[in-house]
Amino acid sequence: MPETILTQHWRDLRRFWRGVIGADAYERYVDYLRRAHPDAPVPSERDFWRQKYAEQERNPKSRCC
């Protein structure tokens, strides 16, 4: 069954929004690891976010709060 234009627009909008808010960070990191370091272990999504937030706390850059 062909994909409707509305479905494609929704998918594109969702992908864009996830990029804006950073929700796709784990997927991008896994893609990077697989390309640049294929032998490196891939952390679980939970561990990734835990490490990311810990790094933000240690090294706050530009945040509002």
Protein backbone atom coordinates (compact mmCIF):
# COMPACT_ATOMS: atom_id res chain seq x y z
CA MET A 1 0.00 0.00 0.00
CA PRO A 2 1.54 3.34 -1.01
CA GLU A 3 2.35 5.85 1.64
CA THR A 4 0.11 8.88 1.65
CA ILE A 5 1.49 12.40 1.48
CA LEU A 6 0.05 13.13 4.92
CA THR A 7 1.86 10.12 6.40
CA GLN A 8 5.15 11.22 4.83
CA HIS A 9 4.71 14.78 6.11
CA TRP A 10 3.94 13.48 9.60
CA ARG A 11 7.06 11.28 9.55
CA ASP A 12 9.21 14.21 8.37
CA LEU A 13 7.75 16.52 11.03
CA ARG A 14 8.37 13.93 13.74
CA ARG A 15 11.97 13.42 12.60
CA PHE A 16 12.52 17.19 12.56
CA TRP A 17 11.00 17.70 16.02
CA ARG A 18 13.03 14.86 17.56
CA GLY A 19 16.14 16.55 16.17
CA VAL A 20 15.17 19.93 17.58
CA ILE A 21 14.59 18.64 21.10
CA GLY A 22 17.52 16.20 21.03
CA ALA A 23 15.42 13.06 21.39
CA ASP A 24 17.31 11.44 18.52
CA ALA A 25 20.69 11.80 20.23
CA TYR A 26 20.93 8.11 21.12
CA GLU A 27 20.17 6.95 17.58
CA ARG A 28 22.72 9.38 16.15
CA TYR A 29 25.32 8.23 18.69
CA VAL A 30 24.76 4.56 17.86
CA ASP A 31 25.07 5.33 14.14
CA TYR A 32 28.31 7.19 14.82
CA LEU A 33 29.71 4.37 16.93
CA ARG A 34 28.92 1.76 14.30
CA ARG A 35 30.59 3.82 11.55
CA ALA A 36 33.62 5.17 13.42
CA HIS A 37 34.24 2.46 16.02
CA PRO A 38 32.65 -0.78 14.80
CA ASP A 39 34.32 -2.87 17.53
CA ALA A 40 33.25 -0.62 20.41
CA PRO A 41 30.41 -1.84 22.61
CA VAL A 42 27.14 0.04 22.18
CA PRO A 43 25.76 1.29 25.52
CA SER A 44 22.13 0.77 26.36
CA GLU A 45 19.88 3.76 25.80
CA ARG A 46 19.46 4.14 29.56
CA ASP A 47 23.24 4.24 30.11
CA PHE A 48 23.67 6.69 27.24
CA TRP A 49 21.20 9.19 28.74
CA ARG A 50 22.63 8.73 32.22
CA GLN A 51 26.13 9.55 30.93
CA LYS A 52 24.88 12.44 28.81
CA TYR A 53 23.08 14.10 31.73
CA ALA A 54 26.03 13.52 34.05
CA GLU A 55 28.32 15.21 31.51
CA GLN A 56 25.93 18.16 31.27
CA GLU A 57 25.99 18.53 35.05
CA ARG A 58 29.81 18.41 35.14
CA ASN A 59 30.22 20.81 32.24
CA PRO A 60 27.22 23.15 31.89
CA LYS A 61 27.46 25.18 28.71
CA SER A 62 24.50 27.26 27.67
CA ARG A 63 21.41 26.28 29.61
CA CYS A 64 18.56 28.32 30.87
CA CYS A 65 18.37 26.61 34.28
